[in-house]
């Protein structure tokens, strides 16, 4: 049994994406060199939402691709069989600023796998990372360049990103285990 706590509402997600888009534009200096790579699965719609915010702010269309990291993971023995998604990068990565986009960063292992995967598709000038939620507990020296919300969690908690196009609503929720003392 899990207790659900809303961390970000749809409106708070919209404001967070606007702030992230502004920070990305400020750091990039040249949005024409910027490309977004959403990490399957929830990073893909997030990358599209971020691209929409960048376009609204700067009136420039930023290319968006998707990256499946299944075969680059170091924990396939623990997570079991997965059906890989399709990696789609319909642009040249060489000499670009590639912004990896994911919903939640936890141990850093997903991002390590994504970094390895990107190298198969080109050699960007820089690779940055944007996440909606950083929940801590890093096992690798990987840190996002852009963070929507830092949310310290325990290891038995989960963070879930709901997206309108897939789930019918936008929200970020914290799922906390309920112990027997909480049921009374």
N, C-alpha and C. Protein backbone atom coordinates (compact mmCIF):
# COMPACT_ATOMS: atom_id res chain seq x y z
N UNK A 1 0.84 -1.17 0.00
CA UNK A 1 0.00 0.00 0.00
C UNK A 1 0.89 1.24 0.00
N UNK A 2 0.52 2.22 -0.83
CA UNK A 2 1.32 3.43 -0.95
C UNK A 2 0.46 4.67 -0.66
N UNK A 3 1.05 5.61 0.01
CA UNK A 3 0.43 6.92 0.23
C UNK A 3 0.93 7.82 -0.89
N UNK A 4 0.02 8.56 -1.53
CA UNK A 4 0.36 9.41 -2.66
C UNK A 4 0.34 10.87 -2.21
N UNK A 5 1.44 11.57 -2.48
CA UNK A 5 1.55 12.99 -2.14
C UNK A 5 1.88 13.75 -3.42
N UNK A 6 1.03 14.72 -3.78
CA UNK A 6 1.32 15.52 -4.98
C UNK A 6 2.47 16.47 -4.68
N UNK A 7 3.48 16.41 -5.53
CA UNK A 7 4.67 17.25 -5.38
C UNK A 7 4.57 18.47 -6.30
N UNK A 8 4.14 18.25 -7.54
CA UNK A 8 3.95 19.34 -8.50
C UNK A 8 2.60 19.16 -9.19
N UNK A 9 1.82 20.22 -9.22
CA UNK A 9 0.55 20.22 -9.95
C UNK A 9 0.84 20.54 -11.42
N UNK A 10 -0.19 20.48 -12.24
CA UNK A 10 -0.02 20.81 -13.66
C UNK A 10 0.51 22.23 -13.82
N UNK A 11 -0.02 23.17 -13.05
CA UNK A 11 0.42 24.57 -13.14
C UNK A 11 1.87 24.71 -12.66
N UNK A 12 2.24 24.01 -11.62
CA UNK A 12 3.62 24.07 -11.12
C UNK A 12 4.59 23.44 -12.12
N UNK A 13 4.16 22.39 -12.81
CA UNK A 13 5.00 21.80 -13.86
C UNK A 13 5.20 22.81 -14.98
N UNK A 14 4.14 23.50 -15.38
CA UNK A 14 4.24 24.50 -16.45
C UNK A 14 5.23 25.60 -16.05
N UNK A 15 5.13 26.10 -14.83
CA UNK A 15 6.05 27.15 -14.37
C UNK A 15 7.49 26.63 -14.29
N UNK A 16 7.64 25.38 -13.85
CA UNK A 16 8.97 24.78 -13.76
C UNK A 16 9.59 24.64 -15.14
N UNK A 17 8.80 24.22 -16.13
CA UNK A 17 9.32 24.09 -17.50
C UNK A 17 9.70 25.45 -18.08
N UNK A 18 8.95 26.48 -17.76
CA UNK A 18 9.29 27.83 -18.22
C UNK A 18 10.63 28.27 -17.62
N UNK A 19 10.81 28.00 -16.33
CA UNK A 19 12.08 28.36 -15.67
C UNK A 19 13.24 27.56 -16.28
N UNK A 20 13.05 26.25 -16.45
CA UNK A 20 14.10 25.42 -17.05
C UNK A 20 14.45 25.90 -18.46
N UNK A 21 13.44 26.20 -19.26
CA UNK A 21 13.67 26.67 -20.63
C UNK A 21 14.48 27.97 -20.62
N UNK A 22 14.16 28.87 -19.71
CA UNK A 22 14.90 30.13 -19.60
C UNK A 22 16.36 29.88 -19.23
N UNK A 23 16.59 28.99 -18.27
CA UNK A 23 17.96 28.67 -17.86
C UNK A 23 18.75 28.03 -18.99
N UNK A 24 18.12 27.14 -19.73
CA UNK A 24 18.78 26.47 -20.85
C UNK A 24 19.14 27.48 -21.93
N UNK A 25 18.22 28.36 -22.24
CA UNK A 25 18.49 29.39 -23.26
C UNK A 25 19.62 30.31 -22.82
N UNK A 26 19.63 30.68 -21.55
CA UNK A 26 20.68 31.56 -21.04
C UNK A 26 22.05 30.89 -21.13
N UNK A 27 22.11 29.62 -20.76
CA UNK A 27 23.40 28.91 -20.78
C UNK A 27 23.86 28.61 -22.20
N UNK A 28 22.93 28.27 -23.09
CA UNK A 28 23.33 27.86 -24.44
C UNK A 28 23.87 29.03 -25.25
N UNK A 29 23.28 30.19 -25.09
CA UNK A 29 23.73 31.35 -25.86
C UNK A 29 23.35 31.26 -27.33
N UNK A 30 23.32 30.06 -27.89
CA UNK A 30 23.00 29.84 -29.29
C UNK A 30 21.97 28.72 -29.39
N UNK A 31 20.68 29.02 -29.27
CA UNK A 31 19.68 27.95 -29.30
C UNK A 31 19.64 27.21 -30.64
N UNK A 32 20.23 27.79 -31.68
CA UNK A 32 20.25 27.11 -32.97
C UNK A 32 21.17 25.88 -32.95
N UNK A 33 22.05 25.76 -31.96
CA UNK A 33 22.94 24.60 -31.83
C UNK A 33 22.39 23.56 -30.86
N UNK A 34 21.26 23.86 -30.24
CA UNK A 34 20.69 23.01 -29.21
C UNK A 34 19.78 21.94 -29.81
N UNK A 35 19.93 20.70 -29.32
CA UNK A 35 19.02 19.60 -29.67
C UNK A 35 18.63 18.90 -28.36
N UNK A 36 17.40 18.43 -28.29
CA UNK A 36 16.92 17.76 -27.09
C UNK A 36 16.78 16.26 -27.36
N UNK A 37 17.22 15.46 -26.41
CA UNK A 37 17.10 14.00 -26.50
C UNK A 37 16.36 13.50 -25.27
N UNK A 38 15.10 13.14 -25.45
CA UNK A 38 14.31 12.60 -24.36
C UNK A 38 14.67 11.14 -24.15
N UNK A 39 14.89 10.75 -22.90
CA UNK A 39 15.22 9.37 -22.56
C UNK A 39 13.91 8.63 -22.32
N UNK A 40 13.74 7.50 -23.04
CA UNK A 40 12.51 6.71 -22.88
C UNK A 40 12.38 6.25 -21.45
N UNK A 41 11.23 6.32 -20.85
CA UNK A 41 10.02 6.64 -21.56
C UNK A 41 9.51 8.05 -21.23
N UNK A 42 9.49 8.43 -19.98
CA UNK A 42 8.89 9.72 -19.60
C UNK A 42 9.73 10.94 -19.98
N UNK A 43 10.99 10.74 -20.31
CA UNK A 43 11.81 11.86 -20.75
C UNK A 43 11.43 12.36 -22.14
N UNK A 44 10.79 11.49 -22.94
CA UNK A 44 10.41 11.87 -24.30
C UNK A 44 9.32 12.94 -24.31
N UNK A 45 8.17 12.72 -23.64
CA UNK A 45 7.17 13.79 -23.64
C UNK A 45 7.68 15.04 -22.92
N UNK A 46 8.52 14.84 -21.91
CA UNK A 46 9.08 15.99 -21.20
C UNK A 46 9.97 16.83 -22.13
N UNK A 47 10.75 16.18 -22.98
CA UNK A 47 11.59 16.89 -23.95
C UNK A 47 10.73 17.71 -24.91
N UNK A 48 9.61 17.14 -25.34
CA UNK A 48 8.70 17.87 -26.23
C UNK A 48 8.08 19.08 -25.53
N UNK A 49 7.69 18.91 -24.28
CA UNK A 49 7.14 20.04 -23.51
C UNK A 49 8.18 21.13 -23.32
N UNK A 50 9.41 20.74 -23.07
CA UNK A 50 10.50 21.69 -22.90
C UNK A 50 10.79 22.43 -24.20
N UNK A 51 10.76 21.72 -25.31
CA UNK A 51 10.97 22.34 -26.63
C UNK A 51 9.86 23.36 -26.92
N UNK A 52 8.63 23.03 -26.54
CA UNK A 52 7.52 23.98 -26.72
C UNK A 52 7.74 25.25 -25.91
N UNK A 53 8.24 25.12 -24.69
CA UNK A 53 8.51 26.29 -23.86
C UNK A 53 9.65 27.14 -24.44
N UNK A 54 10.69 26.47 -24.94
CA UNK A 54 11.80 27.20 -25.56
C UNK A 54 11.30 27.97 -26.77
N UNK A 55 10.46 27.33 -27.58
CA UNK A 55 9.91 28.01 -28.76
C UNK A 55 9.03 29.18 -28.36
N UNK A 56 8.24 29.03 -27.30
CA UNK A 56 7.38 30.12 -26.83
C UNK A 56 8.20 31.30 -26.34
N UNK A 57 9.32 31.03 -25.70
CA UNK A 57 10.17 32.10 -25.16
C UNK A 57 11.04 32.77 -26.21
N UNK A 58 11.57 31.98 -27.13
CA UNK A 58 12.61 32.48 -28.04
C UNK A 58 12.20 32.46 -29.50
N UNK A 59 11.02 31.92 -29.79
CA UNK A 59 10.53 31.82 -31.17
C UNK A 59 11.51 31.06 -32.07
N UNK A 60 12.11 30.02 -31.50
CA UNK A 60 13.01 29.17 -32.26
C UNK A 60 12.61 27.71 -32.00
N UNK A 61 12.55 26.94 -33.07
CA UNK A 61 12.18 25.54 -32.96
C UNK A 61 13.43 24.70 -32.70
N UNK A 62 13.41 23.98 -31.58
CA UNK A 62 14.55 23.14 -31.20
C UNK A 62 14.21 21.70 -31.56
N UNK A 63 15.07 21.02 -32.30
CA UNK A 63 14.81 19.62 -32.67
C UNK A 63 14.76 18.71 -31.43
N UNK A 64 13.86 17.74 -31.49
CA UNK A 64 13.69 16.79 -30.39
C UNK A 64 13.83 15.37 -30.93
N UNK A 65 14.63 14.58 -30.25
CA UNK A 65 14.77 13.17 -30.57
C UNK A 65 14.48 12.34 -29.34
N UNK A 66 14.50 11.02 -29.51
CA UNK A 66 14.28 10.12 -28.38
C UNK A 66 15.40 9.10 -28.34
N UNK A 67 15.73 8.68 -27.13
CA UNK A 67 16.86 7.80 -26.92
C UNK A 67 16.44 6.62 -26.05
N UNK A 68 16.60 5.40 -26.57
CA UNK A 68 16.36 4.21 -25.77
C UNK A 68 17.70 3.71 -25.27
N UNK A 69 17.78 3.44 -24.00
CA UNK A 69 19.07 3.05 -23.39
C UNK A 69 19.09 1.59 -22.95
N UNK A 70 18.09 0.83 -23.32
CA UNK A 70 17.94 -0.55 -22.82
C UNK A 70 19.24 -1.35 -22.92
N UNK A 71 19.88 -1.34 -24.07
CA UNK A 71 21.06 -2.19 -24.26
C UNK A 71 22.34 -1.59 -23.69
N UNK A 72 22.23 -0.41 -23.08
CA UNK A 72 23.38 0.23 -22.46
C UNK A 72 23.32 0.14 -20.93
N UNK A 73 22.23 -0.42 -20.41
CA UNK A 73 22.03 -0.52 -18.96
C UNK A 73 22.97 -1.56 -18.37
N UNK A 74 23.34 -1.35 -17.11
CA UNK A 74 24.18 -2.33 -16.41
C UNK A 74 23.37 -3.14 -15.40
N UNK A 75 22.04 -3.02 -15.46
CA UNK A 75 21.21 -3.72 -14.49
C UNK A 75 20.11 -4.56 -15.13
N UNK A 76 20.31 -4.98 -16.38
CA UNK A 76 19.29 -5.79 -17.06
C UNK A 76 19.01 -7.09 -16.32
N UNK A 77 20.01 -7.62 -15.64
CA UNK A 77 19.79 -8.85 -14.87
C UNK A 77 18.84 -8.63 -13.70
N UNK A 78 18.76 -7.40 -13.20
CA UNK A 78 17.88 -7.09 -12.06
C UNK A 78 16.50 -6.61 -12.48
N UNK A 79 16.41 -5.89 -13.61
CA UNK A 79 15.12 -5.32 -14.00
C UNK A 79 14.31 -6.25 -14.90
N UNK A 80 14.95 -7.30 -15.41
CA UNK A 80 14.24 -8.28 -16.23
C UNK A 80 14.16 -7.87 -17.69
N UNK A 81 13.44 -8.68 -18.44
CA UNK A 81 13.32 -8.49 -19.89
C UNK A 81 12.51 -7.23 -20.18
N UNK A 82 12.99 -6.45 -21.10
CA UNK A 82 12.31 -5.23 -21.53
C UNK A 82 12.23 -5.21 -23.04
N UNK A 83 11.15 -4.66 -23.55
CA UNK A 83 11.05 -4.44 -24.98
C UNK A 83 11.64 -3.06 -25.26
N UNK A 84 12.69 -3.00 -26.04
CA UNK A 84 13.31 -1.70 -26.32
C UNK A 84 12.35 -0.80 -27.10
N UNK A 85 12.44 0.48 -26.82
CA UNK A 85 11.73 1.49 -27.59
C UNK A 85 12.61 1.85 -28.79
N UNK A 86 12.09 2.69 -29.64
CA UNK A 86 12.85 3.08 -30.82
C UNK A 86 13.61 4.38 -30.55
N UNK A 87 14.91 4.35 -30.80
CA UNK A 87 15.70 5.58 -30.74
C UNK A 87 15.47 6.33 -32.04
N UNK A 88 15.10 7.59 -31.92
CA UNK A 88 14.89 8.42 -33.10
C UNK A 88 15.66 9.72 -32.92
N UNK A 89 16.69 9.88 -33.73
CA UNK A 89 17.49 11.10 -33.72
C UNK A 89 17.55 11.59 -35.16
N UNK A 90 16.54 12.38 -35.57
CA UNK A 90 16.45 12.80 -36.97
C UNK A 90 17.27 14.05 -37.29
N UNK A 91 18.43 14.16 -36.65
CA UNK A 91 19.31 15.30 -36.88
C UNK A 91 20.73 14.88 -36.56
N UNK A 92 21.68 15.66 -37.03
CA UNK A 92 23.09 15.39 -36.79
C UNK A 92 23.46 15.89 -35.40
N UNK A 93 24.09 15.05 -34.60
CA UNK A 93 24.53 15.45 -33.26
C UNK A 93 25.89 16.14 -33.26
N UNK A 94 26.67 15.95 -34.31
CA UNK A 94 28.01 16.52 -34.35
C UNK A 94 27.97 18.03 -34.24
N UNK A 95 28.83 18.55 -33.38
CA UNK A 95 28.98 19.99 -33.16
C UNK A 95 27.73 20.65 -32.57
N UNK A 96 26.85 19.88 -31.97
CA UNK A 96 25.64 20.40 -31.33
C UNK A 96 25.80 20.37 -29.81
N UNK A 97 24.88 21.04 -29.14
CA UNK A 97 24.73 20.91 -27.70
C UNK A 97 23.56 19.96 -27.50
N UNK A 98 23.84 18.75 -27.05
CA UNK A 98 22.81 17.74 -26.85
C UNK A 98 22.33 17.81 -25.40
N UNK A 99 21.07 18.09 -25.23
CA UNK A 99 20.48 18.16 -23.90
C UNK A 99 19.69 16.88 -23.64
N UNK A 100 20.21 16.03 -22.77
CA UNK A 100 19.48 14.84 -22.34
C UNK A 100 18.37 15.29 -21.41
N UNK A 101 17.17 14.74 -21.59
CA UNK A 101 16.03 15.12 -20.78
C UNK A 101 15.42 13.86 -20.16
N UNK A 102 15.27 13.88 -18.84
CA UNK A 102 14.62 12.77 -18.15
C UNK A 102 13.72 13.32 -17.05
N UNK A 103 12.74 12.52 -16.65
CA UNK A 103 11.80 13.00 -15.65
C UNK A 103 12.40 13.00 -14.24
N UNK A 104 13.05 11.92 -13.86
CA UNK A 104 13.58 11.78 -12.50
C UNK A 104 14.99 11.23 -12.56
N UNK A 105 15.90 11.83 -11.80
CA UNK A 105 17.23 11.25 -11.65
C UNK A 105 17.32 10.68 -10.24
N UNK A 106 17.89 9.47 -10.19
CA UNK A 106 17.99 8.75 -8.92
C UNK A 106 19.45 8.35 -8.72
N UNK A 107 19.84 7.16 -9.13
CA UNK A 107 21.21 6.69 -8.90
C UNK A 107 22.22 7.26 -9.88
N UNK A 108 21.75 7.69 -11.06
CA UNK A 108 22.64 8.18 -12.11
C UNK A 108 22.95 7.12 -13.16
N UNK A 109 22.52 5.89 -12.94
CA UNK A 109 22.84 4.81 -13.87
C UNK A 109 22.12 4.95 -15.21
N UNK A 110 20.91 5.46 -15.21
CA UNK A 110 20.20 5.70 -16.46
C UNK A 110 20.96 6.72 -17.31
N UNK A 111 21.45 7.76 -16.66
CA UNK A 111 22.17 8.81 -17.39
C UNK A 111 23.51 8.29 -17.90
N UNK A 112 24.18 7.46 -17.13
CA UNK A 112 25.43 6.85 -17.61
C UNK A 112 25.16 6.05 -18.86
N UNK A 113 24.08 5.28 -18.87
CA UNK A 113 23.72 4.51 -20.05
C UNK A 113 23.39 5.42 -21.22
N UNK A 114 22.69 6.53 -20.95
CA UNK A 114 22.34 7.48 -22.01
C UNK A 114 23.60 8.13 -22.61
N UNK A 115 24.56 8.45 -21.77
CA UNK A 115 25.81 9.02 -22.27
C UNK A 115 26.52 8.04 -23.22
N UNK A 116 26.53 6.78 -22.85
CA UNK A 116 27.12 5.77 -23.72
C UNK A 116 26.34 5.65 -25.03
N UNK A 117 25.03 5.68 -24.95
CA UNK A 117 24.20 5.56 -26.16
C UNK A 117 24.41 6.74 -27.10
N UNK A 118 24.50 7.93 -26.58
CA UNK A 118 24.68 9.12 -27.42
C UNK A 118 25.93 8.99 -28.28
N UNK A 119 26.98 8.43 -27.74
CA UNK A 119 28.24 8.29 -28.47
C UNK A 119 28.11 7.43 -29.72
N UNK A 120 27.09 6.59 -29.77
CA UNK A 120 26.83 5.76 -30.96
C UNK A 120 26.26 6.58 -32.12
N UNK A 121 25.75 7.76 -31.82
CA UNK A 121 25.03 8.55 -32.83
C UNK A 121 25.75 9.82 -33.25
N UNK A 122 26.86 10.12 -32.64
CA UNK A 122 27.59 11.31 -33.04
C UNK A 122 28.45 11.84 -31.90
N UNK A 123 29.06 12.98 -32.18
CA UNK A 123 29.94 13.58 -31.20
C UNK A 123 29.53 15.03 -30.98
N UNK A 124 28.63 15.26 -30.02
CA UNK A 124 28.22 16.63 -29.73
C UNK A 124 29.37 17.42 -29.10
N UNK A 125 29.31 18.74 -29.25
CA UNK A 125 30.29 19.60 -28.57
C UNK A 125 30.13 19.51 -27.06
N UNK A 126 28.89 19.37 -26.61
CA UNK A 126 28.61 19.27 -25.18
C UNK A 126 27.35 18.43 -24.99
N UNK A 127 27.30 17.76 -23.85
CA UNK A 127 26.11 17.03 -23.46
C UNK A 127 25.71 17.55 -22.08
N UNK A 128 24.50 18.08 -22.01
CA UNK A 128 23.95 18.59 -20.75
C UNK A 128 22.80 17.69 -20.33
N UNK A 129 22.38 17.85 -19.08
CA UNK A 129 21.30 17.06 -18.54
C UNK A 129 20.27 17.96 -17.86
N UNK A 130 19.00 17.75 -18.23
CA UNK A 130 17.88 18.44 -17.58
C UNK A 130 16.94 17.39 -17.02
N UNK A 131 16.55 17.55 -15.77
CA UNK A 131 15.60 16.63 -15.14
C UNK A 131 14.50 17.44 -14.46
N UNK A 132 13.33 16.85 -14.40
CA UNK A 132 12.23 17.50 -13.70
C UNK A 132 12.41 17.38 -12.20
N UNK A 133 12.82 16.19 -11.73
CA UNK A 133 12.99 15.95 -10.29
C UNK A 133 14.31 15.23 -10.03
N UNK A 134 15.07 15.75 -9.07
CA UNK A 134 16.28 15.09 -8.58
C UNK A 134 15.95 14.56 -7.19
N UNK A 135 15.91 13.25 -7.06
CA UNK A 135 15.54 12.66 -5.77
C UNK A 135 16.71 12.16 -4.94
N UNK A 136 17.94 12.42 -5.41
CA UNK A 136 19.11 12.05 -4.63
C UNK A 136 19.49 10.59 -4.79
N UNK A 137 20.34 10.12 -3.87
CA UNK A 137 20.81 8.73 -3.80
C UNK A 137 21.73 8.34 -4.96
N UNK A 138 22.55 9.28 -5.42
CA UNK A 138 23.43 9.02 -6.55
C UNK A 138 24.45 7.95 -6.22
N UNK A 139 24.69 7.05 -7.17
CA UNK A 139 25.72 6.03 -7.07
C UNK A 139 26.90 6.35 -7.98
N UNK A 140 26.71 7.30 -8.87
CA UNK A 140 27.75 7.70 -9.82
C UNK A 140 27.91 9.22 -9.75
N UNK A 141 29.07 9.74 -10.14
CA UNK A 141 29.29 11.18 -10.07
C UNK A 141 28.63 11.92 -11.24
N UNK A 142 27.32 11.86 -11.26
CA UNK A 142 26.53 12.49 -12.33
C UNK A 142 25.57 13.47 -11.66
N UNK A 143 25.55 14.69 -12.18
CA UNK A 143 24.69 15.73 -11.61
C UNK A 143 24.03 16.50 -12.73
N UNK A 144 22.72 16.77 -12.63
CA UNK A 144 22.04 17.52 -13.70
C UNK A 144 22.54 18.95 -13.81
N UNK A 145 22.54 19.46 -15.03
CA UNK A 145 22.85 20.87 -15.27
C UNK A 145 21.64 21.74 -14.97
N UNK A 146 20.45 21.17 -15.16
CA UNK A 146 19.20 21.89 -14.96
C UNK A 146 18.24 20.98 -14.19
N UNK A 147 17.74 21.47 -13.06
CA UNK A 147 16.86 20.68 -12.21
C UNK A 147 15.60 21.46 -11.92
N UNK A 148 14.46 20.83 -12.17
CA UNK A 148 13.19 21.47 -11.87
C UNK A 148 12.92 21.54 -10.38
N UNK A 149 13.07 20.42 -9.69
CA UNK A 149 12.83 20.35 -8.26
C UNK A 149 13.75 19.32 -7.63
N UNK A 150 14.38 19.69 -6.54
CA UNK A 150 15.17 18.76 -5.75
C UNK A 150 14.26 18.24 -4.65
N UNK A 151 14.14 16.92 -4.57
CA UNK A 151 13.20 16.30 -3.64
C UNK A 151 13.91 15.16 -2.91
N UNK A 152 14.44 15.44 -1.72
CA UNK A 152 15.07 14.36 -0.96
C UNK A 152 14.04 13.26 -0.66
N UNK A 153 14.40 12.03 -0.94
CA UNK A 153 13.50 10.90 -0.73
C UNK A 153 14.23 9.80 0.03
N UNK A 154 13.47 8.87 0.53
CA UNK A 154 14.07 7.66 1.06
C UNK A 154 14.14 6.65 -0.09
N UNK A 155 14.94 5.63 0.08
CA UNK A 155 15.12 4.65 -0.99
C UNK A 155 13.87 3.83 -1.27
N UNK A 156 12.95 3.73 -0.31
CA UNK A 156 11.74 2.95 -0.53
C UNK A 156 10.59 3.79 -1.09
N UNK A 157 10.82 5.07 -1.31
CA UNK A 157 9.82 5.92 -1.94
C UNK A 157 10.03 5.94 -3.45
N UNK A 158 9.00 6.35 -4.18
CA UNK A 158 9.07 6.47 -5.63
C UNK A 158 8.55 7.83 -6.04
N UNK A 159 9.04 8.33 -7.18
CA UNK A 159 8.54 9.57 -7.75
C UNK A 159 7.95 9.23 -9.11
N UNK A 160 6.74 9.68 -9.36
CA UNK A 160 6.03 9.36 -10.61
C UNK A 160 5.65 10.65 -11.32
N UNK A 161 6.01 10.73 -12.60
CA UNK A 161 5.64 11.86 -13.46
C UNK A 161 4.49 11.42 -14.34
N UNK A 162 3.38 12.12 -14.22
CA UNK A 162 2.20 11.86 -15.04
C UNK A 162 2.15 12.93 -16.12
N UNK A 163 1.88 12.51 -17.35
CA UNK A 163 1.86 13.46 -18.47
C UNK A 163 0.52 13.35 -19.19
N UNK A 164 -0.07 14.50 -19.48
CA UNK A 164 -1.41 14.61 -20.04
C UNK A 164 -1.64 13.69 -21.24
N UNK A 165 -0.74 13.71 -22.20
CA UNK A 165 -0.94 12.94 -23.44
C UNK A 165 -0.99 11.43 -23.20
N UNK A 166 -0.36 10.95 -22.16
CA UNK A 166 -0.33 9.51 -21.88
C UNK A 166 -1.28 9.11 -20.76
N UNK A 167 -1.41 9.99 -19.77
CA UNK A 167 -2.11 9.62 -18.54
C UNK A 167 -3.39 10.41 -18.29
N UNK A 168 -3.64 11.42 -19.11
CA UNK A 168 -4.83 12.23 -18.92
C UNK A 168 -4.69 13.34 -17.90
N UNK A 169 -3.48 13.51 -17.35
CA UNK A 169 -3.24 14.58 -16.39
C UNK A 169 -1.74 14.84 -16.27
N UNK A 170 -1.41 16.04 -15.85
CA UNK A 170 -0.03 16.41 -15.57
C UNK A 170 0.15 16.52 -14.06
N UNK A 171 1.12 15.83 -13.53
CA UNK A 171 1.41 15.90 -12.10
C UNK A 171 2.72 15.18 -11.82
N UNK A 172 3.31 15.52 -10.70
CA UNK A 172 4.43 14.75 -10.15
C UNK A 172 4.00 14.34 -8.75
N UNK A 173 4.11 13.04 -8.47
CA UNK A 173 3.67 12.52 -7.19
C UNK A 173 4.78 11.72 -6.52
N UNK A 174 4.78 11.79 -5.19
CA UNK A 174 5.66 10.98 -4.37
C UNK A 174 4.82 9.83 -3.82
N UNK A 175 5.29 8.60 -4.02
CA UNK A 175 4.62 7.41 -3.50
C UNK A 175 5.41 6.91 -2.31
N UNK A 176 4.76 6.93 -1.15
CA UNK A 176 5.41 6.54 0.10
C UNK A 176 4.76 5.27 0.62
N UNK A 177 5.57 4.30 1.03
CA UNK A 177 4.98 3.09 1.61
C UNK A 177 4.25 3.43 2.90
N UNK A 178 3.13 2.78 3.10
CA UNK A 178 2.37 2.97 4.34
C UNK A 178 2.69 1.80 5.24
N UNK A 179 3.18 2.13 6.45
CA UNK A 179 3.42 1.05 7.40
C UNK A 179 2.15 0.84 8.24
N UNK A 180 2.12 -0.20 8.99
CA UNK A 180 0.93 -0.53 9.77
C UNK A 180 0.53 0.58 10.73
N UNK A 181 1.47 1.35 11.23
CA UNK A 181 1.16 2.46 12.12
C UNK A 181 0.39 3.56 11.44
N UNK A 182 0.56 3.71 10.10
CA UNK A 182 -0.16 4.75 9.36
C UNK A 182 -1.61 4.37 9.10
N UNK A 183 -1.97 3.10 9.25
CA UNK A 183 -3.33 2.65 8.96
C UNK A 183 -4.28 2.92 10.12
N UNK A 184 -3.77 3.14 11.29
CA UNK A 184 -4.62 3.33 12.47
C UNK A 184 -5.29 4.68 12.48
